[in-house]
Protein backbone atom coordinates (compact mmCIF):
# COMPACT_ATOMS: atom_id res chain seq x y z
CA MET A 1 84.52 67.38 98.76
CA ASN A 2 84.74 71.11 97.96
CA THR A 3 88.49 72.02 97.91
CA LEU A 4 88.03 75.61 99.11
CA LEU A 5 85.91 74.46 102.05
CA GLU A 6 88.52 71.79 102.76
CA LYS A 7 91.27 74.47 102.89
CA LEU A 8 89.15 76.66 105.21
CA ASP A 9 88.30 73.71 107.48
CA GLY A 10 92.02 72.97 107.75
CA LEU A 11 92.53 76.40 109.36
CA ARG A 12 89.94 75.92 112.12
CA SER A 13 92.33 74.17 114.51
CA ARG A 14 94.96 76.91 113.97
CA PHE A 15 92.34 79.58 114.72
CA ALA A 16 91.44 77.81 117.98
CA GLU A 17 95.15 77.54 118.88
CA VAL A 18 95.87 81.24 118.16
CA SER A 19 92.72 82.28 120.09
CA THR A 20 94.14 80.51 123.17
CA LEU A 21 97.72 81.76 122.68
CA ILE A 22 96.81 85.48 122.63
CA THR A 23 95.31 85.16 126.11
CA ASP A 24 98.42 83.44 127.52
CA PRO A 25 100.33 85.82 129.89
CA SER A 26 103.75 84.54 128.72
CA VAL A 27 102.80 85.32 125.08
CA ILE A 28 101.46 88.78 126.04
CA ALA A 29 104.80 89.47 127.78
CA ASP A 30 106.67 88.71 124.53
CA GLN A 31 105.62 91.84 122.62
CA GLN A 32 107.00 90.74 119.25
CA ARG A 33 105.23 87.37 119.33
CA PHE A 34 102.01 88.86 120.69
CA VAL A 35 101.80 91.45 117.86
CA ARG A 36 102.48 88.76 115.24
CA LEU A 37 99.83 86.41 116.70
CA THR A 38 97.26 89.22 117.04
CA LYS A 39 97.64 89.98 113.32
CA GLU A 40 97.32 86.26 112.50
CA TYR A 41 94.20 86.03 114.70
CA LYS A 42 92.57 88.94 112.80
CA ASP A 43 93.32 87.31 109.41
CA LEU A 44 92.02 83.91 110.57
CA GLU A 45 88.92 85.53 112.10
CA ASP A 46 88.08 87.02 108.67
CA LEU A 47 88.57 83.59 107.08
CA MET A 48 86.36 81.88 109.66
CA ALA A 49 83.57 84.43 109.05
CA VAL A 50 83.75 83.88 105.29
CA ARG A 51 83.93 80.09 105.82
CA LYS A 52 80.57 80.19 107.65
CA GLU A 53 79.01 82.31 104.89
CA TYR A 54 80.37 79.93 102.22
CA ALA A 55 79.24 76.76 104.04
CA ASP A 56 75.73 78.26 104.53
CA LEU A 57 75.53 79.20 100.85
CA LEU A 58 76.62 75.70 99.73
CA GLY A 59 74.06 74.18 102.15
CA ASN A 60 71.26 76.39 100.76
CA LEU A 61 72.24 75.48 97.19
CA GLU A 62 72.16 71.77 98.02
CA GLU A 63 68.81 72.16 99.79
CA GLY A 64 67.33 74.08 96.81
CA LYS A 65 68.49 71.44 94.31
CA ASP A 66 67.09 68.68 96.48
CA MET A 67 63.68 70.44 96.66
CA LEU A 68 63.65 70.87 92.87
CA ILE A 69 64.06 67.10 92.42
CA ASN A 70 61.78 65.86 95.20
CA GLU A 71 59.12 68.57 95.73
CA SER A 72 55.82 68.35 93.85
CA ASP A 73 54.19 71.60 95.09
CA PRO A 74 54.57 74.24 92.28
CA ASP A 75 54.98 77.17 94.74
CA LEU A 76 57.69 75.37 96.74
CA LYS A 77 59.38 74.34 93.46
CA GLU A 78 59.40 78.03 92.35
CA MET A 79 60.88 79.05 95.72
CA ALA A 80 63.56 76.37 95.33
CA ARG A 81 64.33 77.60 91.79
CA GLU A 82 64.83 81.17 93.10
CA GLN A 83 66.98 79.88 95.97
CA VAL A 84 69.26 77.92 93.58
CA ALA A 85 69.54 80.89 91.18
CA ASP A 86 70.42 83.27 94.06
CA CYS A 87 73.08 80.89 95.45
CA GLU A 88 74.62 80.26 92.03
CA GLU A 89 74.80 84.01 91.38
CA ARG A 90 76.52 84.77 94.71
CA LEU A 91 78.99 81.84 94.77
CA PRO A 92 81.60 82.94 92.16
CA ALA A 93 82.25 86.34 93.83
CA LEU A 94 82.48 84.72 97.28
CA GLU A 95 84.88 82.06 95.97
CA GLU A 96 87.15 84.78 94.48
CA LYS A 97 87.09 86.60 97.82
CA ILE A 98 88.08 83.38 99.66
CA LYS A 99 90.93 82.66 97.20
CA ILE A 100 92.37 86.15 97.78
CA LEU A 101 92.02 85.77 101.57
CA LEU A 102 93.83 82.41 101.36
CA ILE A 103 96.90 83.96 99.68
CA PRO A 104 99.52 84.52 102.41
CA LYS A 105 99.61 88.23 103.21
CA ASP A 106 102.78 90.29 103.07
CA PRO A 107 103.40 90.90 106.80
CA GLU A 108 104.58 94.42 105.97
CA ASP A 109 101.29 95.53 104.37
CA SER A 110 99.73 96.56 107.68
CA LYS A 111 102.67 98.83 108.61
CA ASN A 112 102.91 102.60 108.49
CA ALA A 113 105.16 104.00 105.76
CA ILE A 114 107.95 106.44 105.07
CA LEU A 115 107.26 108.32 101.82
CA GLU A 116 110.24 109.89 100.02
CA ILE A 117 109.79 112.07 96.91
CA ARG A 118 112.82 113.38 94.99
CA GLY A 119 113.05 115.58 91.90
CA GLY A 120 114.90 113.64 89.19
CA THR A 121 115.94 114.71 85.69
CA GLY A 122 114.59 118.08 84.61
CA GLY A 123 116.04 120.61 87.08
CA ASP A 124 113.55 123.20 88.40
CA GLU A 125 110.64 121.56 86.58
CA ALA A 126 111.44 118.18 88.27
CA ALA A 127 111.36 119.89 91.69
CA LEU A 128 108.00 121.53 90.82
CA PHE A 129 106.64 118.12 89.78
CA ALA A 130 107.91 116.56 93.04
CA GLY A 131 105.90 119.30 94.81
CA ASP A 132 102.80 118.39 92.76
CA LEU A 133 103.22 114.70 93.69
CA PHE A 134 103.57 115.64 97.37
CA ARG A 135 100.32 117.64 97.17
CA MET A 136 98.63 114.67 95.40
CA TYR A 137 99.66 112.25 98.18
CA THR A 138 98.70 114.76 100.89
CA LYS A 139 95.17 114.99 99.43
CA TYR A 140 94.98 111.18 99.06
CA CYS A 141 96.03 110.66 102.70
CA GLU A 142 93.34 113.14 103.82
CA GLN A 143 90.72 111.11 101.89
CA LYS A 144 91.91 107.88 103.56
CA GLY A 145 91.92 109.44 107.02
CA TRP A 146 95.68 108.84 107.33
CA HIS A 147 98.07 111.18 109.13
CA LEU A 148 100.98 112.57 107.08
CA GLU A 149 103.90 114.35 108.77
CA VAL A 150 106.88 115.92 107.00
CA SER A 151 110.24 114.83 108.50
CA SER A 152 112.61 116.81 106.28
CA TYR A 153 112.60 118.69 102.98
CA SER A 154 114.79 120.67 100.64
CA GLU A 155 113.01 123.25 98.46
CA GLY A 156 113.67 123.76 94.74
CA ALA A 157 114.96 127.11 93.47
CA ALA A 158 111.71 127.80 91.57
CA GLY A 159 109.41 126.09 94.10
CA GLY A 160 108.46 122.50 94.77
CA TYR A 161 111.00 120.18 96.39
CA LYS A 162 114.40 118.75 95.51
CA GLU A 163 113.43 116.12 98.08
CA ILE A 164 110.81 115.68 100.78
CA VAL A 165 110.52 112.86 103.33
CA CYS A 166 107.29 112.19 105.29
CA SER A 167 105.86 109.55 107.59
CA VAL A 168 102.33 108.28 106.93
CA THR A 169 100.37 106.55 109.69
CA GLY A 170 97.01 104.78 109.47
CA ALA A 171 95.43 101.45 108.53
CA ASP A 172 97.28 99.32 105.92
CA VAL A 173 99.31 102.32 104.73
CA TYR A 174 102.31 100.45 103.31
CA GLY A 175 100.14 97.77 101.65
CA THR A 176 98.34 100.53 99.72
CA LEU A 177 101.11 103.06 99.02
CA LYS A 178 103.79 100.47 98.03
CA TYR A 179 102.40 100.54 94.47
CA GLU A 180 103.64 104.15 94.15
CA SER A 181 107.37 103.26 94.36
CA GLY A 182 109.24 104.04 91.16
CA VAL A 183 109.90 106.77 88.62
CA HIS A 184 106.99 109.13 87.83
CA ARG A 185 107.39 110.98 84.53
CA VAL A 186 105.66 114.26 83.61
CA GLN A 187 105.16 115.74 80.13
CA ARG A 188 104.07 119.40 80.14
CA VAL A 189 105.06 122.95 79.21
CA PRO A 190 107.14 124.29 82.13
CA ALA A 191 106.33 127.74 83.54
CA THR A 192 109.86 128.81 82.51
CA GLU A 193 109.37 127.75 78.85
CA THR A 194 108.85 130.74 76.53
CA GLN A 195 108.37 128.79 73.27
CA GLY A 196 105.48 126.68 74.61
CA ARG A 197 107.38 123.41 74.08
CA VAL A 198 106.45 120.29 76.04
CA HIS A 199 109.29 119.05 78.28
CA THR A 200 109.69 115.67 79.95
CA SER A 201 110.84 115.59 83.60
CA ALA A 202 110.79 112.95 86.30
CA ALA A 203 110.58 112.47 90.05
CA THR A 204 111.23 109.31 92.03
CA VAL A 205 108.95 108.04 94.77
CA ALA A 206 110.11 105.52 97.38
CA VAL A 207 107.65 104.00 99.85
CA LEU A 208 109.28 102.07 102.72
CA PRO A 209 107.57 100.08 105.48
CA GLU A 210 108.16 101.91 108.76
CA ALA A 211 110.16 99.67 111.08
CA GLU A 212 108.80 98.99 114.54
CA ALA A 213 111.13 99.09 117.55
CA PHE A 214 111.58 95.31 117.64
CA ASP A 215 112.14 94.89 113.88
CA VAL A 216 115.78 95.99 114.07
CA VAL A 217 118.51 95.99 116.69
CA ILE A 218 120.25 99.34 117.23
CA ASN A 219 122.93 99.94 119.85
CA GLU A 220 121.66 103.33 121.01
CA GLY A 221 124.86 103.91 123.01
CA GLU A 222 126.76 104.11 119.70
CA ILE A 223 124.59 106.87 118.26
CA LYS A 224 126.30 110.28 118.10
CA TRP A 225 123.85 113.15 118.54
CA ASP A 226 124.35 116.82 117.62
CA THR A 227 121.82 119.58 118.12
CA PHE A 228 121.54 122.74 116.07
CA ARG A 229 119.29 125.74 115.62
CA SER A 230 116.53 125.34 113.05
CA SER A 231 116.51 127.86 110.22
CA GLY A 232 113.72 129.14 108.02
CA ALA A 233 110.37 130.79 108.53
CA GLY A 234 108.87 130.26 111.95
CA GLY A 235 108.17 131.72 115.37
CA GLN A 236 110.39 133.59 117.74
CA ASN A 237 112.47 130.58 118.80
CA VAL A 238 113.88 129.94 115.29
CA ASN A 239 117.67 130.40 115.45
CA LYS A 240 117.45 130.78 119.26
CA VAL A 241 116.57 127.27 120.49
CA GLU A 242 118.62 124.20 119.45
CA SER A 243 115.62 122.03 118.57
CA GLY A 244 117.08 120.47 115.40
CA VAL A 245 118.84 117.12 115.86
CA ARG A 246 121.49 115.31 113.81
CA LEU A 247 122.13 111.61 114.28
CA ARG A 248 125.25 109.69 113.17
CA TYR A 249 125.38 105.91 113.38
CA ASN A 250 127.86 103.34 112.04
CA TRP A 251 125.87 100.43 110.65
CA LYS A 252 127.28 97.15 109.33
CA ASN A 253 125.29 95.83 106.38
CA PRO A 254 124.67 92.10 107.11
CA ASN A 255 124.27 91.39 103.37
CA THR A 256 127.64 92.89 102.29
CA GLY A 257 129.64 93.23 105.54
CA GLU A 258 130.34 96.90 104.73
CA VAL A 259 130.25 99.53 107.49
CA GLN A 260 128.41 102.70 106.54
CA GLU A 261 127.89 105.95 108.44
CA ILE A 262 124.23 106.92 108.45
CA LEU A 263 123.46 110.63 108.86
CA ILE A 264 119.90 111.75 109.63
CA GLU A 265 118.68 115.26 110.43
CA CYS A 266 115.27 116.11 111.86
CA THR A 267 113.89 119.65 112.32
CA GLU A 268 110.24 118.65 112.13
CA THR A 269 109.07 120.09 115.47
CA ARG A 270 110.20 122.74 117.98
CA ASP A 271 110.54 119.98 120.55
CA GLN A 272 114.03 118.40 120.65
CA PRO A 273 112.95 115.06 122.28
CA LYS A 274 110.25 114.63 119.61
CA ASN A 275 112.78 115.31 116.86
CA LYS A 276 115.11 112.70 118.43
CA GLU A 277 112.28 110.17 118.48
CA ARG A 278 111.50 110.82 114.81
CA ALA A 279 115.17 110.66 113.77
CA LEU A 280 115.39 107.26 115.54
CA ALA A 281 112.26 106.06 113.69
CA ARG A 282 113.89 107.03 110.38
CA LEU A 283 117.12 105.26 111.36
CA ARG A 284 115.17 102.07 112.17
CA THR A 285 113.34 102.29 108.82
CA PHE A 286 116.57 102.85 106.87
CA ILE A 287 118.23 99.80 108.48
CA TYR A 288 115.11 97.65 108.15
CA ASP A 289 114.72 98.58 104.48
CA ASN A 290 118.35 97.76 103.68
CA GLU A 291 118.45 94.52 105.70
CA HIS A 292 115.23 93.30 104.14
CA ARG A 293 115.89 94.48 100.58
CA LYS A 294 117.52 91.14 99.63
CA TYR A 295 114.51 89.30 101.06
CA ALA A 296 112.15 91.64 99.15
CA GLU A 297 114.14 91.14 95.92
CA ASP A 298 113.94 87.34 96.32
CA ILE A 299 110.16 87.57 96.70
CA ALA A 300 109.90 89.90 93.69
CA ASN A 301 111.99 87.54 91.56
CA ARG A 302 109.83 84.61 92.59
CA ARG A 303 106.67 86.53 91.77
CA LYS A 304 108.04 87.84 88.46
CA SER A 305 105.61 90.72 89.02
CA LEU A 306 106.45 94.34 88.24
CA VAL A 307 103.34 95.56 90.03
CA SER A 308 104.86 96.16 93.46
CA THR A 309 108.47 95.03 93.38
CA GLY A 310 109.46 98.39 94.83
CA ASP A 311 112.10 98.77 92.10
CA ARG A 312 112.81 102.48 92.41
CA SER A 313 114.48 102.71 89.00
CA ALA A 314 111.45 101.40 87.10
CA LYS A 315 109.40 103.97 85.17
CA ILE A 316 105.92 103.28 86.45
CA ARG A 317 103.66 106.14 85.38
CA THR A 318 103.45 109.06 82.92
CA TYR A 319 101.44 112.23 83.57
CA ASN A 320 100.73 113.94 80.22
CA TYR A 321 99.31 117.43 80.84
CA PRO A 322 98.55 118.48 77.20
CA GLN A 323 96.32 115.39 76.81
CA GLY A 324 95.07 115.30 80.43
CA ARG A 325 96.21 111.67 80.50
CA ILE A 326 97.77 109.35 83.08
CA THR A 327 99.25 106.01 81.98
CA ASP A 328 100.43 103.34 84.40
CA HIS A 329 102.95 101.33 82.39
CA ARG A 330 102.93 98.25 84.65
CA ILE A 331 99.38 97.27 83.71
CA ASN A 332 98.84 99.41 80.55
CA TYR A 333 96.14 101.37 82.40
CA THR A 334 95.25 104.79 80.91
CA ILE A 335 92.76 107.34 82.23
CA TYR A 336 91.91 110.89 81.20
CA ASN A 337 91.16 112.59 84.52
CA LEU A 338 94.53 114.21 85.27
CA GLY A 339 93.02 117.15 87.21
CA ALA A 340 91.16 114.90 89.67
CA PHE A 341 94.12 112.49 89.87
CA MET A 342 96.50 115.30 90.91
CA ASP A 343 93.88 116.27 93.52
CA GLY A 344 94.38 112.88 95.19
CA ASP A 345 91.84 110.77 93.29
CA ILE A 346 94.32 107.90 92.78
CA GLN A 347 92.42 105.03 94.42
CA GLY A 348 91.01 103.72 91.10
CA CYS A 349 94.53 103.23 89.72
CA ILE A 350 95.74 101.57 92.95
CA ASP A 351 92.70 99.24 92.85
CA GLN A 352 93.63 98.14 89.30
CA LEU A 353 97.21 97.42 90.46
CA ILE A 354 95.92 95.38 93.43
CA VAL A 355 93.65 93.35 91.10
CA ALA A 356 96.60 92.68 88.74
CA GLU A 357 98.86 91.61 91.59
CA ASN A 358 96.18 89.38 93.14
CA ALA A 359 95.68 87.68 89.76
CA ASN A 360 99.44 86.96 89.63
CA ARG A 361 99.46 85.62 93.17
CA LEU A 362 96.38 83.43 92.63
CA GLN A 363 98.12 81.89 89.63
CA GLU A 364 101.25 81.20 91.69
CA ALA A 365 99.26 79.76 94.59
CA GLU A 366 97.32 77.62 92.06
CA LEU A 367 94.04 78.50 93.70
């Protein structure tokens, strides 16, 4: 018996069960369970479609081999030979696809993300580089059809950003952008350098899964809100309307028992209720990220994979301007298209990281 087909056949009863459950009114009423089951249904539906394709291909291969042995007509024999060759050519790629689909998915991959970029070592040049990274991700999000919104930012003295926080919404955002978490290092001649010497600076990128309302429990009655007037360039209501919001919340870390005051400001829009909504979303994400960090670390340790552990202190990539080179240190991947890369053409590198991680996970799952 074919083991892959056996594994797929074992999922048929679960697919039938989930198909029934998502039409049950009591399940629909339980939003958290309904969302979880809907995602499971979609994953199982993909597996069932590929199961049919695989079973058909195996059937055609068997039929072709049988004709080669038992058929005497030369034309039919030739047809059977072509059929066998076609099936044998298509099978390995389909089997790889099935193995990857059978690996349990990270439930966070389908979530939206909070993207945080901060200038690190290197002063003004680090802030300029953080600005370049922000532009790179903005262009990449445009290519993917994702929506990027800036929540808060602090500009560098010479341009760029000391830090910038954005929310990114779209399909499988976190599952794609999570590979960008870590320290990004740049080697180039800064605009302020008179001797033409190459300097090394760094910026850190953190990509967090955006928490949904039912992922974390927040006692909204304990939130202290302040409003203030937004400052900076803008229309007539800047400094006149108190549209900016500041949120303070005392949160007890379940992993350490410590109580910490969380302070979040949001001046993203001219609409105070919208700013409140966005500040709450950031609070949920902060708590979710901290509560689940131990869980994420356990998974990372089990995987022993540096590809997407989300370790924000790990140096992941170097951008060398004099040589027009980008090197991703996690998979020793080097390319010489720095201009296009900084214009958002980063998918090729992300694809290589996904391939490397899938290879690790296939090994662990012994598929």
